[in-house]
Amino acid sequence: MIDYEQPLQTDIPGVDVHAGVSEQWGAGESELQQLKSVGQLGAEVIVALSTNGPITGADFDAMMGIVGGASRIVFVNIHVDRSWQDPNNQVLAAGAARYPNARIADWASLAAQHPEWFGSDGTHLAINGPGAVALASLITSTLTSG
């Protein structure tokens, strides 16, 4: 999220972004649980965490146990040159299908069409670059769609 924090804040005024370098799913759960415990978890939540390692259906369900009270949760699927890309995207899709308030922002499909958006590692975007703007727009449209 660091790569597209500014465009996301432009698209969604007042959005509170919590992002860290190489953040793992479990760390994100802990952070969201902390926000929830102090009443700072919003009515709409964006989760973009599965780039840095494998996740399971149980991980998804644990996350929903934390954020499930939100009116809408957008999970951003991943585009990463790692063995867990497709399995993680399958976990996210299957998980979102089980929860009526969960949506998928299909970054994997959009990113695959635009390799020019990425740095040499094929994963990271230029901060505030065209890919970052496109990703923020995708998340915003997913959040606001029916």
Protein backbone atom coordinates (compact mmCIF):
# COMPACT_ATOMS: atom_id res chain seq x y z
CA MET A 1 0.00 0.00 0.00
CA ILE A 2 2.94 2.30 0.42
CA ASP A 3 3.26 2.50 -3.38
CA TYR A 4 -0.29 3.79 -3.83
CA GLU A 5 -1.06 5.50 -0.52
CA GLN A 6 -1.21 9.03 -1.98
CA PRO A 7 -3.48 8.16 -4.93
CA LEU A 8 -5.75 6.19 -2.57
CA GLN A 9 -5.99 9.18 -0.23
CA THR A 10 -6.86 11.36 -3.22
CA ASP A 11 -9.57 8.93 -4.39
CA ILE A 12 -10.99 8.30 -0.90
CA PRO A 13 -10.68 11.49 1.17
CA GLY A 14 -10.21 10.68 4.85
CA VAL A 15 -9.01 7.12 4.26
CA ASP A 16 -6.69 6.00 7.05
CA VAL A 17 -3.86 3.95 5.55
CA HIS A 18 -1.80 1.60 7.71
CA ALA A 19 1.00 0.16 5.60
CA GLY A 20 4.38 -1.36 6.30
CA VAL A 21 7.25 -2.73 4.27
CA SER A 22 6.97 -6.51 3.75
CA GLU A 23 3.98 -6.75 6.08
CA GLN A 24 2.72 -10.28 6.58
CA TRP A 25 -0.92 -11.34 6.88
CA GLY A 26 -0.64 -12.06 10.60
CA ALA A 27 0.84 -8.63 11.31
CA GLY A 28 -2.07 -7.09 9.44
CA GLU A 29 -4.52 -9.10 11.54
CA SER A 30 -2.85 -7.82 14.71
CA GLU A 31 -2.95 -4.24 13.52
CA LEU A 32 -6.60 -4.45 12.50
CA GLN A 33 -7.50 -6.13 15.81
CA GLN A 34 -5.80 -3.27 17.66
CA LEU A 35 -7.73 -0.68 15.62
CA LYS A 36 -10.97 -2.56 16.32
CA SER A 37 -10.26 -2.76 20.05
CA VAL A 38 -9.94 1.03 20.31
CA GLY A 39 -12.94 1.74 18.07
CA GLN A 40 -10.89 2.96 15.10
CA LEU A 41 -11.77 0.31 12.54
CA GLY A 42 -13.82 1.95 9.80
CA ALA A 43 -17.12 0.88 8.35
CA GLU A 44 -15.25 0.09 5.13
CA VAL A 45 -11.95 -1.79 5.21
CA ILE A 46 -9.33 -2.45 2.54
CA VAL A 47 -7.03 -5.44 3.04
CA ALA A 48 -3.97 -5.71 0.79
CA LEU A 49 -1.73 -8.17 2.58
CA SER A 50 -1.15 -11.43 0.73
CA THR A 51 1.83 -10.38 -1.42
CA ASN A 52 4.50 -11.40 1.08
CA GLY A 53 3.68 -15.03 1.80
CA PRO A 54 1.16 -17.83 1.56
CA ILE A 55 -2.27 -17.57 3.18
CA THR A 56 -4.97 -20.14 3.87
CA GLY A 57 -8.73 -20.21 4.07
CA ALA A 58 -8.37 -20.25 7.85
CA ASP A 59 -6.30 -17.05 7.61
CA PHE A 60 -9.06 -15.43 5.56
CA ASP A 61 -11.72 -16.52 8.06
CA ALA A 62 -9.63 -15.20 10.96
CA MET A 63 -9.36 -11.85 9.19
CA MET A 64 -13.11 -11.79 8.65
CA GLY A 65 -13.53 -12.49 12.35
CA ILE A 66 -11.78 -9.17 12.93
CA VAL A 67 -13.21 -7.01 10.12
CA GLY A 68 -16.45 -8.87 9.41
CA GLY A 69 -18.58 -6.23 11.13
CA ALA A 70 -17.63 -3.66 8.49
CA SER A 71 -20.24 -2.86 5.88
CA ARG A 72 -17.78 -3.58 3.07
CA ILE A 73 -14.35 -5.21 3.00
CA VAL A 74 -12.23 -5.04 -0.14
CA PHE A 75 -9.47 -7.62 -0.47
CA VAL A 76 -6.87 -6.73 -3.08
CA ASN A 77 -5.62 -9.83 -4.86
CA ILE A 78 -1.96 -10.04 -5.83
CA HIS A 79 0.45 -9.80 -8.71
CA VAL A 80 3.79 -11.17 -7.54
CA ASP A 81 6.36 -13.47 -9.10
CA ARG A 82 6.12 -16.03 -6.31
CA SER A 83 4.72 -19.53 -6.00
CA TRP A 84 1.93 -18.33 -3.70
CA GLN A 85 0.40 -15.83 -6.16
CA ASP A 86 -2.27 -18.11 -7.65
CA PRO A 87 -3.05 -20.06 -4.46
CA ASN A 88 -3.41 -16.81 -2.50
CA ASN A 89 -5.68 -15.32 -5.15
CA GLN A 90 -7.78 -18.50 -5.01
CA VAL A 91 -8.02 -18.22 -1.20
CA LEU A 92 -9.10 -14.59 -1.48
CA ALA A 93 -11.71 -15.34 -4.17
CA ALA A 94 -13.14 -18.32 -2.30
CA GLY A 95 -13.17 -16.40 0.96
CA ALA A 96 -14.90 -13.37 -0.52
CA ALA A 97 -17.52 -15.64 -2.07
CA ARG A 98 -18.44 -16.86 1.44
CA TYR A 99 -19.04 -13.40 2.91
CA PRO A 100 -21.64 -11.01 1.46
CA ASN A 101 -19.76 -7.89 2.61
CA ALA A 102 -16.42 -8.96 1.06
CA ARG A 103 -15.26 -7.94 -2.42
CA ILE A 104 -12.17 -8.61 -4.52
CA ALA A 105 -10.28 -5.81 -6.24
CA ASP A 106 -8.83 -7.83 -9.11
CA TRP A 107 -5.36 -6.34 -9.24
CA ALA A 108 -3.88 -9.56 -10.63
CA SER A 109 -5.79 -9.26 -13.91
CA LEU A 110 -5.21 -5.54 -14.37
CA ALA A 111 -1.52 -5.74 -13.45
CA ALA A 112 -0.88 -8.62 -15.86
CA GLN A 113 -1.92 -6.31 -18.72
CA HIS A 114 0.57 -3.59 -17.74
CA PRO A 115 4.10 -4.85 -17.05
CA GLU A 116 5.38 -1.31 -17.73
CA TRP A 117 3.93 -0.18 -14.38
CA PHE A 118 6.41 -2.27 -12.38
CA GLY A 119 10.00 -1.97 -11.32
CA SER A 120 12.62 -4.54 -12.25
CA ASP A 121 11.26 -7.01 -9.68
CA GLY A 122 7.90 -7.13 -11.48
CA THR A 123 6.08 -6.63 -8.17
CA HIS A 124 6.62 -3.11 -6.86
CA LEU A 125 5.09 -0.04 -8.41
CA ALA A 126 6.67 3.36 -8.74
CA ILE A 127 5.35 5.40 -5.83
CA ASN A 128 2.50 7.56 -7.16
CA GLY A 129 3.22 6.27 -10.71
CA PRO A 130 0.61 5.23 -13.27
CA GLY A 131 0.25 1.75 -11.79
CA ALA A 132 -0.25 3.19 -8.31
CA VAL A 133 -2.94 5.51 -9.64
CA ALA A 134 -4.62 2.61 -11.47
CA LEU A 135 -4.55 0.40 -8.38
CA ALA A 136 -6.04 3.13 -6.19
CA SER A 137 -8.76 3.66 -8.78
CA LEU A 138 -9.49 -0.08 -8.93
CA ILE A 139 -9.83 -0.26 -5.14
CA THR A 140 -12.07 2.80 -5.08
CA SER A 141 -14.35 1.44 -7.79
CA THR A 142 -14.54 -1.94 -6.04
CA LEU A 143 -15.37 -0.25 -2.74
CA THR A 144 -18.15 1.84 -4.26
CA SER A 145 -19.65 -0.74 -6.62
CA GLY A 146 -22.86 -2.56 -5.74
